[in-house]
Amino acid sequence: MNQQIIREYIYAYTTVCPATGETFSIISPQNDTQAMTVFLKHLSRSFIQYNIAIVLDSAGWHRSKALQIPKNISLIHLPPYSPELNPVEHIWDYIREQKGFNNHSFNSLDEVESQLMTALKEINQENEKIKSLCYFSWFT
């Protein structure tokens, strides 16, 4: 019996404060300028009292002229091919290894989304662990 593998995608947008371990995430069905704008808008509203600096790569939707960046958010683009400098990348490694994704297959995209939602909620409560994963001495 032959079966065709079908690839479906879902995207998580996450920020982390390496000093406190706080995270903020949304899950989106798309990965583009519009989704990034929605993420930044929600982040801005959730932390309106802060000026936020986000370290990110140079993906097209991070640099798009159509991207709407709230006044309390600044984007800091990393040099190409340097994901190890982005603190949030350590969260993705942790989620893959420790939160039910490593060596696991899912029967549907809904199952993936459910597991991802659970993982993001869990890390939101694991401030000390997230700090240990994401804090670099050069932040201070």
Protein backbone atom coordinates (compact mmCIF):
# COMPACT_ATOMS: atom_id res chain seq x y z
CA MET A 1 0.00 0.00 0.00
CA ASN A 2 1.37 3.39 -1.01
CA GLN A 3 0.63 6.50 0.95
CA GLN A 4 1.41 10.01 -0.03
CA ILE A 5 2.87 12.26 2.61
CA ILE A 6 1.04 15.54 2.81
CA ARG A 7 2.77 18.51 4.36
CA GLU A 8 0.72 21.12 6.16
CA TYR A 9 2.06 24.06 8.10
CA ILE A 10 1.25 26.14 11.12
CA TYR A 11 3.41 28.92 12.52
CA ALA A 12 4.21 30.20 15.98
CA TYR A 13 5.43 33.71 16.62
CA THR A 14 7.18 34.05 19.97
CA THR A 15 9.21 36.65 21.81
CA VAL A 16 11.16 36.21 25.00
CA CYS A 17 12.57 38.58 27.56
CA PRO A 18 15.86 36.85 28.41
CA ALA A 19 16.20 38.81 31.65
CA THR A 20 12.84 37.71 33.10
CA GLY A 21 12.00 34.58 31.11
CA GLU A 22 8.64 36.01 30.08
CA THR A 23 7.33 34.87 26.72
CA PHE A 24 4.59 36.04 24.40
CA SER A 25 3.27 33.89 21.55
CA ILE A 26 0.60 33.60 18.91
CA ILE A 27 -0.13 30.75 16.53
CA SER A 28 -0.92 31.65 12.94
CA PRO A 29 -1.94 29.73 9.82
CA GLN A 30 0.36 31.95 7.75
CA ASN A 31 3.92 33.20 7.87
CA ASP A 32 4.06 36.55 6.11
CA THR A 33 4.01 40.31 6.58
CA GLN A 34 0.34 40.36 7.53
CA ALA A 35 0.83 37.71 10.24
CA MET A 36 3.92 39.52 11.56
CA THR A 37 1.94 42.77 11.73
CA VAL A 38 -0.81 41.02 13.74
CA PHE A 39 1.80 39.57 16.10
CA LEU A 40 3.48 42.93 16.67
CA LYS A 41 0.13 44.61 17.28
CA HIS A 42 -0.86 42.06 19.93
CA LEU A 43 2.58 42.18 21.54
CA SER A 44 2.48 45.97 21.67
CA ARG A 45 -0.95 46.01 23.28
CA SER A 46 0.01 43.36 25.84
CA PHE A 47 3.13 45.31 26.89
CA ILE A 48 2.00 48.87 26.17
CA GLN A 49 3.96 50.23 29.15
CA TYR A 50 7.29 48.99 27.70
CA ASN A 51 9.59 49.95 24.86
CA ILE A 52 10.34 46.61 23.25
CA ALA A 53 13.41 45.66 21.21
CA ILE A 54 12.98 42.47 19.21
CA VAL A 55 16.00 40.60 17.86
CA LEU A 56 15.11 38.75 14.67
CA ASP A 57 16.52 37.44 11.44
CA SER A 58 16.15 39.15 8.09
CA ALA A 59 13.23 37.15 6.71
CA GLY A 60 11.33 39.04 4.03
CA TRP A 61 8.30 39.61 6.25
CA HIS A 62 10.58 41.06 8.97
CA ARG A 63 11.89 43.72 6.58
CA SER A 64 8.86 44.35 4.41
CA LYS A 65 7.94 47.99 3.80
CA ALA A 66 4.31 46.93 4.39
CA LEU A 67 5.12 45.72 7.93
CA GLN A 68 3.34 47.88 10.48
CA ILE A 69 5.56 48.35 13.52
CA PRO A 70 3.92 49.82 16.65
CA LYS A 71 5.58 52.87 18.19
CA ASN A 72 6.75 50.99 21.29
CA ILE A 73 8.56 48.28 19.28
CA SER A 74 11.99 48.42 17.61
CA LEU A 75 13.33 45.64 15.40
CA ILE A 76 17.00 44.64 15.55
CA HIS A 77 17.99 42.49 12.56
CA LEU A 78 20.71 39.91 13.02
CA PRO A 79 23.42 39.33 10.43
CA PRO A 80 22.66 36.50 7.98
CA TYR A 81 23.25 32.91 9.11
CA SER A 82 23.46 33.70 12.83
CA PRO A 83 20.41 32.08 14.46
CA GLU A 84 22.46 31.22 17.55
CA LEU A 85 22.41 34.94 18.42
CA ASN A 86 18.61 34.98 18.61
CA PRO A 87 17.49 34.03 22.13
CA VAL A 88 14.13 32.68 20.96
CA GLU A 89 15.85 29.97 18.88
CA HIS A 90 16.77 28.23 22.14
CA ILE A 91 13.08 28.06 23.02
CA TRP A 92 12.34 26.22 19.75
CA ASP A 93 15.10 23.70 20.52
CA TYR A 94 13.63 23.18 24.00
CA ILE A 95 10.09 22.75 22.66
CA ARG A 96 11.22 20.24 20.02
CA GLU A 97 13.23 18.21 22.53
CA GLN A 98 11.12 18.44 25.70
CA LYS A 99 7.54 19.29 24.80
CA GLY A 100 6.24 16.35 22.79
CA PHE A 101 7.61 17.00 19.31
CA ASN A 102 10.85 14.99 19.21
CA ASN A 103 10.41 11.65 17.39
CA HIS A 104 6.66 12.11 17.24
CA SER A 105 4.29 12.09 14.32
CA PHE A 106 0.86 13.63 14.36
CA ASN A 107 -2.28 12.49 12.59
CA SER A 108 -3.48 15.99 11.77
CA LEU A 109 -2.51 19.62 11.80
CA ASP A 110 -5.06 20.12 14.58
CA GLU A 111 -3.04 17.71 16.76
CA VAL A 112 0.13 19.68 16.03
CA GLU A 113 -1.60 22.94 16.91
CA SER A 114 -2.95 21.49 20.14
CA GLN A 115 0.50 20.21 21.18
CA LEU A 116 2.09 23.52 20.21
CA MET A 117 -0.49 25.47 22.20
CA THR A 118 0.16 23.28 25.24
CA ALA A 119 3.93 23.70 24.88
CA LEU A 120 3.69 27.49 24.55
CA LYS A 121 1.43 27.72 27.60
CA GLU A 122 3.86 25.57 29.59
CA ILE A 123 6.94 27.61 28.70
CA ASN A 124 5.04 30.76 29.62
CA GLN A 125 5.05 29.40 33.19
CA GLU A 126 8.70 28.27 33.15
CA ASN A 127 10.41 31.62 33.54
CA GLU A 128 13.53 30.31 35.29
CA LYS A 129 14.07 27.60 32.67
CA ILE A 130 13.53 30.06 29.84
CA LYS A 131 15.98 32.53 31.42
CA SER A 132 18.58 29.77 31.66
CA LEU A 133 18.11 28.95 27.98
CA CYS A 134 17.96 32.47 26.57
CA TYR A 135 20.00 34.85 28.70
CA PHE A 136 23.41 35.93 27.41
CA SER A 137 25.74 38.08 29.48
CA TRP A 138 26.09 40.55 26.60
CA PHE A 139 22.43 41.60 27.09
CA THR A 140 23.41 43.73 30.07
